[in-house]
Each structure stands twice: as structure tokens, then as C-alpha cells.
Amino acid sequence: MQETTLVTLNAPLVLLTGAAGWLGGRVAAALTTGLPEAGLLARGGFRVRAFVPAGEDVSQLRDQGLDIVTGDIRDMESVRAFVAGAEGAVLIHLAGIIHPKTVAQFEAINTQGTINLVTAAQKAGVRRAVVMSSNSPIGCNPHPDHRFTEESPYNPYMGYGRSKMQMEKALRAELAAGSPMEVVIVRAPWFYGPNQPQRQTLFFKMVKDGKFPIVGSGRNRRSMGYTDNLAQGILLAAVHERAVGEIFWLADETPYTMKEIVEVAGMVLHEDFGMTVKPNKFHLPDILGDVATIVDATLQYAGVYHQKIHVLSEMNKTIACDITKARKVLGYAPTIALREGMRRSVDWCMKNGQAF
């Protein structure tokens, strides 16, 4: 039987951005109905208020009892409306952009948007902010056996990494200046799990068709974060006294090789769901990933973002972290590993019309 992690939030209100997104939807569920399949439940007499861009489907959030404020993180008027009357609240900031239309959106949303939100939250008397960052401010590991820790220096990867680095630096400057609001930064790698966007479903389809590219040997390692594992870490960061002013890596227990990720996905599709999975013979030379990195950097320098080239540029890189600090300080205990996480992801796809 799954052991339950109970997280007690002593706050009148939880402010949640990104609630309509992939990870945010799981955090919203953990705060309201709980995630019994992951053994995660938040308790306390708090309300949850979500900040959602116009046009998003919020029906499920309303069903869960969330109050909805529609707005844009770049617009101070709507940000102030979101944090109005939030004295003593906890802010969980998950909103951001990973694959933008233009490179300029990285800074506008990830950096300046976060500054807008934190500034307004401080003025409103918010007690603590948990802010989602990424592996990208720290870049890529020098070799497959290397692991990033919270002490690793900044070495941002492309425009997204720079925007998250500048965001982190702005938050740390606020702390150094004696901000009355407690701030915790959490860094997460490649997500996977229920509620996934179409790009992640495409990953499963490519694996099924034997067309997911292994660039180089496939021995490069990637930390991944099953969304319910990440939700646990985020809630623990929202309540733990020793989290204040700290940065934490959140991910699954151990990084996986790219070869392992593709093999496990294929195994789940075939053994758990009875699908025919073609052998993956799509291997590309290591140098192609390096060429994609150069092309990606050149395009982004010119203000152009090309999602497929950017993703290809990472396919031969090791991006792996050590979660020891989160385990020791927060009591973070990721319970769902790759095989089971992939199974739950595919099961969600099959039940929600994302067929392969």
C-alpha cells in the first residue's frame, strides 16, 4: 500500500500560477483532492487561487474548488488583482515558457514576469514564495557520471537558461536585501506524467514507430521528474522551515541514460499496453547534436527559436542532478520511478484521446 505524505499548509490562501499546465495541474490536485495514487495530500484550512492566461480550459480547476483569476504575468494590473488580499499567503509560481514563438519571450515571461509577481506579492504581504526554476541555468554536465548540486555554478544553456538564471539572480538579490517574504527556489528537469502536452505524447509515438533519435551512444544521462514526485517536493518546499532562502534540485531518484529512457518507454507500450513497437534503429552521429547546438545558438542570437533544432541539440547531452539536499532538508522522497511513471503517462494518454 502506498504510504501517504501529508503536507500541512498553515496559510489562509495558496496562490498558484501555471495551474492549467502540465505540472501545475498535478499541484492543484494535490492541494485540493489530493493525489492518492502518489500518496500525496495537502491539508489545512486554506483556499487556492489560480492565475490563468485567457483562453485556458479551467473547468477542472473550478471543479476542484479553485478561485480563478485570468491575466498575464507581464501585466502588472492583472498580477496585482491576483495577489489582492493575500496577506500571509503562500505563493507557488510554476508559470513560465519553455518553447516560445520568439526568444524575447523568455526574458519577458520567465524573468520579468517573475519579478512582477514577486514584487506584487511582497507588497500584498505574501509570506512565502516557492518559485520553479530549471536545470537550464546550470547547463550541461561535463560527462555522464557528473551530477549537478545546488553549489554548481551558473552556465546557462541558451535563451531559456539565461532567462531562468536572471530570474534566480533577481530572487537571490531580493533575499540579500532583506526581503520580508520568504523565498525558495526549486529546480526541475525534464517532466513526464499525466496531463502531458502533445509534444510528450509525440515522444511515445516516435518510440512506438522506432523513430526516436538516439544521438551518439545513448549513454548520456538525463534526470527526469515524474510530475507527482515534483509536486511532493514543491509542497514540502512550501512548508519546511529550513527551506527558506534555499535552492533545491527535484527529480526522480536517479538519472537515466537516453538509451534506457527509450527502451523503457518501448517496454511499457509493448508489455503493459499490448502495442506493436518497432525496433529503434534511428541512431544519429554524435556530431549532429553538436551541429544542432551551434545552429540553435546562432538562431537564438538572431532572436529566432526553432523547437525541433533546440530539442535535437540536447539529445547527446548529459543533464543530471543530485537530489541529496532535498532528501535531507525537505524529506523529499520520490516514490515513482521511470517504468511506473511511463506506464501512468501512457495510461492517461489512452484515457484522454491522445492515441499513438
Protein backbone atom coordinates (compact mmCIF):
# COMPACT_ATOMS: atom_id res chain seq x y z
CA MET A 1 0.00 0.00 0.00
CA GLN A 2 1.24 3.48 -0.95
CA GLU A 3 2.43 5.41 2.09
CA THR A 4 0.81 8.84 2.26
CA THR A 5 2.82 12.05 2.54
CA LEU A 6 0.70 14.58 4.44
CA VAL A 7 1.76 18.20 3.98
CA THR A 8 0.18 20.73 6.34
CA LEU A 9 -0.04 24.26 4.96
CA ASN A 10 -0.56 26.84 7.69
CA ALA A 11 -1.75 29.65 5.45
CA PRO A 12 -5.15 31.15 4.68
CA LEU A 13 -4.53 31.12 0.95
CA VAL A 14 -2.34 29.41 -1.64
CA LEU A 15 -1.64 31.39 -4.80
CA LEU A 16 -0.83 29.12 -7.75
CA THR A 17 0.45 30.11 -11.17
CA GLY A 18 0.69 27.61 -14.01
CA ALA A 19 -2.31 25.70 -12.65
CA ALA A 20 -3.62 24.97 -16.15
CA GLY A 21 -0.29 23.48 -17.15
CA TRP A 22 1.26 20.04 -17.03
CA LEU A 23 2.87 20.19 -13.59
CA GLY A 24 0.58 22.87 -12.20
CA GLY A 25 -2.47 20.70 -12.70
CA ARG A 26 -0.95 18.00 -10.51
CA VAL A 27 -0.04 20.53 -7.82
CA ALA A 28 -3.60 21.90 -7.96
CA ALA A 29 -4.93 18.38 -7.45
CA ALA A 30 -2.52 17.72 -4.57
CA LEU A 31 -3.74 20.91 -2.87
CA THR A 32 -7.42 20.06 -3.24
CA THR A 33 -8.46 16.46 -3.88
CA GLY A 34 -5.03 15.01 -3.16
CA LEU A 35 -3.07 12.55 -5.30
CA PRO A 36 -3.93 9.20 -3.69
CA GLU A 37 -2.18 7.23 -6.43
CA ALA A 38 1.03 9.05 -5.48
CA GLY A 39 0.32 9.09 -1.75
CA LEU A 40 0.30 12.90 -1.58
CA LEU A 41 -2.19 15.09 0.25
CA ALA A 42 -2.09 18.70 1.43
CA ARG A 43 -4.19 19.63 4.44
CA GLY A 44 -5.15 22.84 6.18
CA GLY A 45 -7.95 25.36 6.01
CA PHE A 46 -6.58 27.22 3.00
CA ARG A 47 -8.22 28.37 -0.20
CA VAL A 48 -6.47 28.05 -3.56
CA ARG A 49 -6.44 30.87 -6.09
CA ALA A 50 -5.09 30.20 -9.59
CA PHE A 51 -3.68 32.73 -12.06
CA VAL A 52 -4.52 31.52 -15.57
CA PRO A 53 -3.98 33.04 -19.03
CA ALA A 54 -7.08 33.90 -21.05
CA GLY A 55 -8.33 31.06 -23.23
CA GLU A 56 -7.24 28.18 -20.98
CA ASP A 57 -9.74 25.49 -20.03
CA VAL A 58 -10.31 25.97 -16.30
CA SER A 59 -13.33 23.68 -15.87
CA GLN A 60 -11.36 21.04 -13.96
CA LEU A 61 -9.77 23.68 -11.73
CA ARG A 62 -13.22 25.09 -10.92
CA ASP A 63 -14.48 21.58 -10.17
CA GLN A 64 -11.62 21.22 -7.69
CA GLY A 65 -12.77 24.40 -5.95
CA LEU A 66 -10.07 26.82 -7.09
CA ASP A 67 -10.78 30.51 -7.43
CA ILE A 68 -9.71 31.67 -10.89
CA VAL A 69 -8.08 34.98 -11.80
CA THR A 70 -7.47 35.48 -15.51
CA GLY A 71 -4.48 37.52 -16.57
CA ASP A 72 -0.96 37.78 -17.93
CA ILE A 73 2.16 37.70 -15.80
CA ARG A 74 3.56 40.54 -17.93
CA ASP A 75 0.63 42.79 -16.99
CA MET A 76 1.01 44.37 -13.55
CA GLU A 77 -2.68 45.23 -13.24
CA SER A 78 -3.76 41.60 -13.54
CA VAL A 79 -0.86 40.47 -11.32
CA ARG A 80 -1.98 42.87 -8.59
CA ALA A 81 -5.54 41.54 -8.91
CA PHE A 82 -4.19 38.01 -8.44
CA VAL A 83 -2.38 38.83 -5.18
CA ALA A 84 -5.02 41.17 -3.74
CA GLY A 85 -5.88 40.34 -0.13
CA ALA A 86 -3.13 37.72 0.06
CA GLU A 87 -1.53 38.66 3.38
CA GLY A 88 0.04 35.57 4.96
CA ALA A 89 -0.45 33.52 1.79
CA VAL A 90 1.91 31.02 0.18
CA LEU A 91 2.72 31.59 -3.49
CA ILE A 92 3.66 28.65 -5.73
CA HIS A 93 4.94 30.06 -9.01
CA LEU A 94 5.09 27.46 -11.78
CA ALA A 95 4.15 29.56 -14.82
CA GLY A 96 6.78 30.05 -17.48
CA ILE A 97 7.57 29.48 -21.12
CA ILE A 98 9.87 26.77 -22.48
CA HIS A 99 9.14 26.77 -26.22
CA PRO A 100 8.29 30.38 -27.21
CA LYS A 101 7.41 31.96 -30.53
CA THR A 102 10.34 34.38 -30.18
CA VAL A 103 13.45 34.40 -27.99
CA ALA A 104 12.37 37.71 -26.43
CA GLN A 105 9.52 35.92 -24.68
CA PHE A 106 11.99 34.05 -22.47
CA GLU A 107 13.03 37.19 -20.62
CA ALA A 108 9.61 38.85 -20.77
CA ILE A 109 7.84 35.91 -19.14
CA ASN A 110 10.41 33.90 -17.19
CA THR A 111 12.48 36.79 -15.85
CA GLN A 112 10.45 39.99 -15.85
CA GLY A 113 7.16 38.19 -15.31
CA THR A 114 8.53 36.55 -12.17
CA ILE A 115 9.91 39.88 -10.94
CA ASN A 116 6.47 41.44 -11.49
CA LEU A 117 4.81 38.68 -9.50
CA VAL A 118 7.31 38.65 -6.63
CA THR A 119 7.22 42.45 -6.33
CA ALA A 120 3.42 42.47 -6.15
CA ALA A 121 3.37 39.52 -3.75
CA GLN A 122 5.76 41.26 -1.35
CA LYS A 123 3.59 44.38 -1.32
CA ALA A 124 0.50 42.24 -0.69
CA GLY A 125 2.09 40.60 2.36
CA VAL A 126 2.58 37.11 0.93
CA ARG A 127 4.56 35.09 3.49
CA ARG A 128 6.44 32.63 1.27
CA ALA A 129 7.08 32.14 -2.44
CA VAL A 130 8.17 28.83 -3.95
CA VAL A 131 9.48 29.54 -7.45
CA MET A 132 10.09 26.95 -10.14
CA SER A 133 13.37 27.16 -11.99
CA SER A 134 15.08 24.58 -14.19
CA ASN A 135 18.24 22.66 -14.94
CA SER A 136 18.95 25.07 -17.80
CA PRO A 137 20.60 27.87 -15.75
CA ILE A 138 23.32 25.35 -14.83
CA GLY A 139 23.68 23.94 -18.34
CA CYS A 140 25.03 20.52 -19.27
CA ASN A 141 27.23 18.17 -17.25
CA PRO A 142 30.84 17.70 -18.42
CA HIS A 143 30.49 13.90 -18.55
CA PRO A 144 27.81 11.22 -17.90
CA ASP A 145 28.96 10.43 -14.36
CA HIS A 146 28.87 14.06 -13.20
CA ARG A 147 25.94 15.36 -11.12
CA PHE A 148 24.93 18.95 -10.51
CA THR A 149 24.37 20.07 -6.92
CA GLU A 150 22.99 23.31 -5.55
CA GLU A 151 26.58 24.59 -5.39
CA SER A 152 27.22 24.13 -9.12
CA PRO A 153 27.99 27.43 -10.89
CA TYR A 154 25.75 29.07 -13.45
CA ASN A 155 26.46 28.05 -17.03
CA PRO A 156 23.15 28.74 -18.77
CA TYR A 157 22.05 26.76 -21.80
CA MET A 158 20.59 29.01 -24.48
CA GLY A 159 17.94 31.70 -24.02
CA TYR A 160 15.74 29.70 -21.69
CA GLY A 161 18.65 29.00 -19.37
CA ARG A 162 19.68 32.66 -19.35
CA SER A 163 16.14 33.78 -18.53
CA LYS A 164 15.90 31.37 -15.59
CA MET A 165 19.39 32.33 -14.39
CA GLN A 166 18.44 36.01 -14.38
CA MET A 167 15.24 35.10 -12.55
CA GLU A 168 17.20 33.21 -9.88
CA LYS A 169 19.70 36.06 -9.52
CA ALA A 170 16.88 38.58 -9.07
CA LEU A 171 15.30 36.43 -6.35
CA ARG A 172 18.62 35.95 -4.58
CA ALA A 173 19.22 39.71 -4.71
CA GLU A 174 15.86 40.25 -3.01
CA LEU A 175 16.87 37.83 -0.27
CA ALA A 176 20.23 39.54 0.17
CA ALA A 177 18.46 42.88 0.50
CA GLY A 178 16.41 41.54 3.42
CA SER A 179 13.11 40.76 1.72
CA PRO A 180 10.30 40.25 4.26
CA MET A 181 8.90 37.48 2.06
CA GLU A 182 10.45 34.02 2.35
CA VAL A 183 11.70 32.68 -0.99
CA VAL A 184 12.50 29.10 -2.01
CA ILE A 185 13.80 28.15 -5.47
CA VAL A 186 13.22 24.64 -6.81
CA ARG A 187 14.83 23.31 -9.98
CA ALA A 188 13.23 20.55 -12.03
CA PRO A 189 14.45 18.73 -15.15
CA TRP A 190 12.52 17.04 -17.98
CA PHE A 191 8.94 16.37 -16.78
CA TYR A 192 6.85 13.32 -17.55
CA GLY A 193 3.48 12.20 -16.24
CA PRO A 194 -0.30 12.58 -16.66
CA ASN A 195 -1.77 15.70 -18.29
CA GLN A 196 1.19 15.83 -20.64
CA PRO A 197 1.23 18.16 -23.65
CA GLN A 198 1.16 16.88 -27.19
CA ARG A 199 4.95 17.13 -27.54
CA GLN A 200 5.40 14.44 -24.88
CA THR A 201 2.79 12.22 -26.49
CA LEU A 202 4.80 12.59 -29.70
CA PHE A 203 7.76 11.10 -27.81
CA PHE A 204 5.77 7.91 -27.17
CA LYS A 205 4.59 7.77 -30.78
CA MET A 206 8.16 8.09 -32.07
CA VAL A 207 9.28 5.31 -29.72
CA LYS A 208 6.40 3.10 -30.89
CA ASP A 209 7.31 3.72 -34.52
CA GLY A 210 11.03 3.09 -33.89
CA LYS A 211 11.84 6.67 -34.88
CA PHE A 212 13.03 8.36 -31.71
CA PRO A 213 16.57 9.58 -32.43
CA ILE A 214 19.38 8.25 -30.27
CA VAL A 215 22.15 10.78 -30.84
CA GLY A 216 25.59 9.33 -30.21
CA SER A 217 25.97 6.31 -27.93
CA GLY A 218 22.82 6.93 -25.89
CA ARG A 219 24.89 6.64 -22.72
CA ASN A 220 24.41 10.30 -21.85
CA ARG A 221 22.21 10.64 -18.77
CA ARG A 222 19.11 12.72 -18.11
CA SER A 223 17.46 13.49 -14.83
CA MET A 224 13.70 13.30 -15.21
CA GLY A 225 10.92 14.31 -12.88
CA TYR A 226 7.65 12.41 -12.67
CA THR A 227 5.13 15.17 -12.06
CA ASP A 228 3.72 13.72 -8.84
CA ASN A 229 7.24 13.37 -7.43
CA LEU A 230 7.84 17.03 -8.25
CA ALA A 231 4.51 18.04 -6.70
CA GLN A 232 5.62 16.40 -3.45
CA GLY A 233 8.87 18.37 -3.43
CA ILE A 234 7.11 21.64 -4.21
CA LEU A 235 4.64 21.24 -1.34
CA LEU A 236 7.43 20.30 1.07
CA ALA A 237 9.34 23.42 -0.02
CA ALA A 238 6.21 25.46 0.71
CA VAL A 239 6.08 24.39 4.37
CA HIS A 240 9.52 23.42 5.64
CA GLU A 241 11.19 25.97 7.93
CA ARG A 242 14.68 25.06 6.74
CA ALA A 243 13.76 25.68 3.11
CA VAL A 244 13.78 29.47 3.43
CA GLY A 245 16.36 31.13 1.20
CA GLU A 246 17.49 27.81 -0.28
CA ILE A 247 17.66 26.19 -3.71
CA PHE A 248 16.70 22.55 -4.22
CA TRP A 249 17.03 20.14 -7.12
CA LEU A 250 13.89 17.99 -7.51
CA ALA A 251 13.86 14.91 -9.75
CA ASP A 252 13.42 11.16 -9.73
CA GLU A 253 15.76 9.17 -7.51
CA THR A 254 18.40 8.65 -10.19
CA PRO A 255 19.19 9.88 -13.71
CA TYR A 256 18.56 7.57 -16.66
CA THR A 257 20.57 7.04 -19.83
CA MET A 258 18.84 8.13 -23.04
CA LYS A 259 19.06 4.54 -24.24
CA GLU A 260 17.29 3.39 -21.06
CA ILE A 261 14.55 6.03 -21.40
CA VAL A 262 13.71 4.90 -24.93
CA GLU A 263 13.91 1.19 -24.06
CA VAL A 264 11.67 1.54 -21.00
CA ALA A 265 9.09 3.55 -22.96
CA GLY A 266 9.02 0.85 -25.63
CA MET A 267 8.75 -1.88 -22.99
CA VAL A 268 5.77 -0.15 -21.38
CA LEU A 269 3.98 0.31 -24.70
CA HIS A 270 4.50 -3.35 -25.64
CA GLU A 271 4.28 -5.27 -22.36
CA ASP A 272 1.74 -3.15 -20.48
CA PHE A 273 -0.48 -1.98 -23.36
CA GLY A 274 -0.01 -4.69 -25.98
CA MET A 275 1.19 -2.33 -28.70
CA THR A 276 3.46 -3.35 -31.53
CA VAL A 277 6.71 -1.44 -31.06
CA LYS A 278 9.15 -1.35 -33.94
CA PRO A 279 12.86 -1.81 -33.15
CA ASN A 280 14.55 1.56 -32.77
CA LYS A 281 17.22 1.76 -35.44
CA PHE A 282 17.20 5.54 -35.64
CA HIS A 283 20.74 6.31 -34.48
CA LEU A 284 22.38 9.61 -35.38
CA PRO A 285 26.07 10.50 -35.07
CA ASP A 286 27.13 12.43 -32.00
CA ILE A 287 28.36 15.32 -34.13
CA LEU A 288 24.79 16.02 -35.29
CA GLY A 289 23.86 17.05 -31.74
CA ASP A 290 26.87 19.36 -31.66
CA VAL A 291 25.92 20.89 -35.02
CA ALA A 292 22.35 21.40 -33.77
CA THR A 293 23.77 23.21 -30.73
CA ILE A 294 25.66 25.64 -32.97
CA VAL A 295 22.63 26.21 -35.21
CA ASP A 296 20.35 26.68 -32.19
CA ALA A 297 22.71 29.22 -30.63
CA THR A 298 23.02 31.11 -33.92
CA LEU A 299 19.27 31.25 -34.43
CA GLN A 300 18.60 32.34 -30.86
CA TYR A 301 21.25 35.06 -31.16
CA ALA A 302 19.19 36.38 -34.08
CA GLY A 303 16.03 36.20 -31.94
CA VAL A 304 14.64 33.08 -33.61
CA TYR A 305 13.55 29.98 -31.70
CA HIS A 306 13.22 26.63 -33.50
CA GLN A 307 11.84 23.96 -31.17
CA LYS A 308 12.95 20.85 -33.07
CA ILE A 309 16.52 22.09 -33.50
CA HIS A 310 16.69 23.06 -29.83
CA VAL A 311 15.43 19.67 -28.67
CA LEU A 312 17.86 17.88 -31.02
CA SER A 313 20.72 19.95 -29.59
CA GLU A 314 20.10 18.42 -26.16
CA MET A 315 19.81 14.81 -27.28
CA ASN A 316 23.51 13.98 -26.84
CA LYS A 317 23.96 16.00 -23.64
CA THR A 318 24.08 14.79 -20.04
CA ILE A 319 21.78 16.89 -17.85
CA ALA A 320 21.76 15.22 -14.44
CA CYS A 321 21.38 16.37 -10.86
CA ASP A 322 21.85 15.14 -7.29
CA ILE A 323 18.74 15.37 -5.08
CA THR A 324 20.54 14.69 -1.78
CA LYS A 325 19.89 18.15 -0.35
CA ALA A 326 16.14 17.94 -0.99
CA ARG A 327 16.04 14.50 0.61
CA LYS A 328 17.94 15.61 3.73
CA VAL A 329 16.40 19.05 4.27
CA LEU A 330 12.84 18.65 2.98
CA GLY A 331 12.34 14.93 3.48
CA TYR A 332 11.73 14.65 -0.26
CA ALA A 333 11.20 11.01 -1.22
CA PRO A 334 10.36 10.41 -4.89
CA THR A 335 8.43 7.15 -4.93
CA ILE A 336 7.68 6.72 -8.63
CA ALA A 337 10.49 5.67 -10.97
CA LEU A 338 10.71 5.54 -14.75
CA ARG A 339 8.85 2.30 -15.54
CA GLU A 340 5.80 3.04 -13.38
CA GLY A 341 5.81 6.72 -14.32
CA MET A 342 5.85 5.89 -18.01
CA ARG A 343 3.03 3.37 -17.50
CA ARG A 344 0.88 6.00 -15.79
CA SER A 345 1.68 8.51 -18.53
CA VAL A 346 0.63 6.16 -21.32
CA ASP A 347 -2.48 5.11 -19.39
CA TRP A 348 -3.50 8.77 -19.12
CA CYS A 349 -2.94 9.24 -22.86
CA MET A 350 -5.12 6.26 -23.69
CA LYS A 351 -7.93 7.52 -21.46
CA ASN A 352 -7.77 11.10 -22.75
CA GLY A 353 -7.79 10.72 -26.50
CA GLN A 354 -4.05 11.04 -27.08
CA ALA A 355 -3.66 7.86 -29.09
CA PHE A 356 -0.46 6.84 -30.84
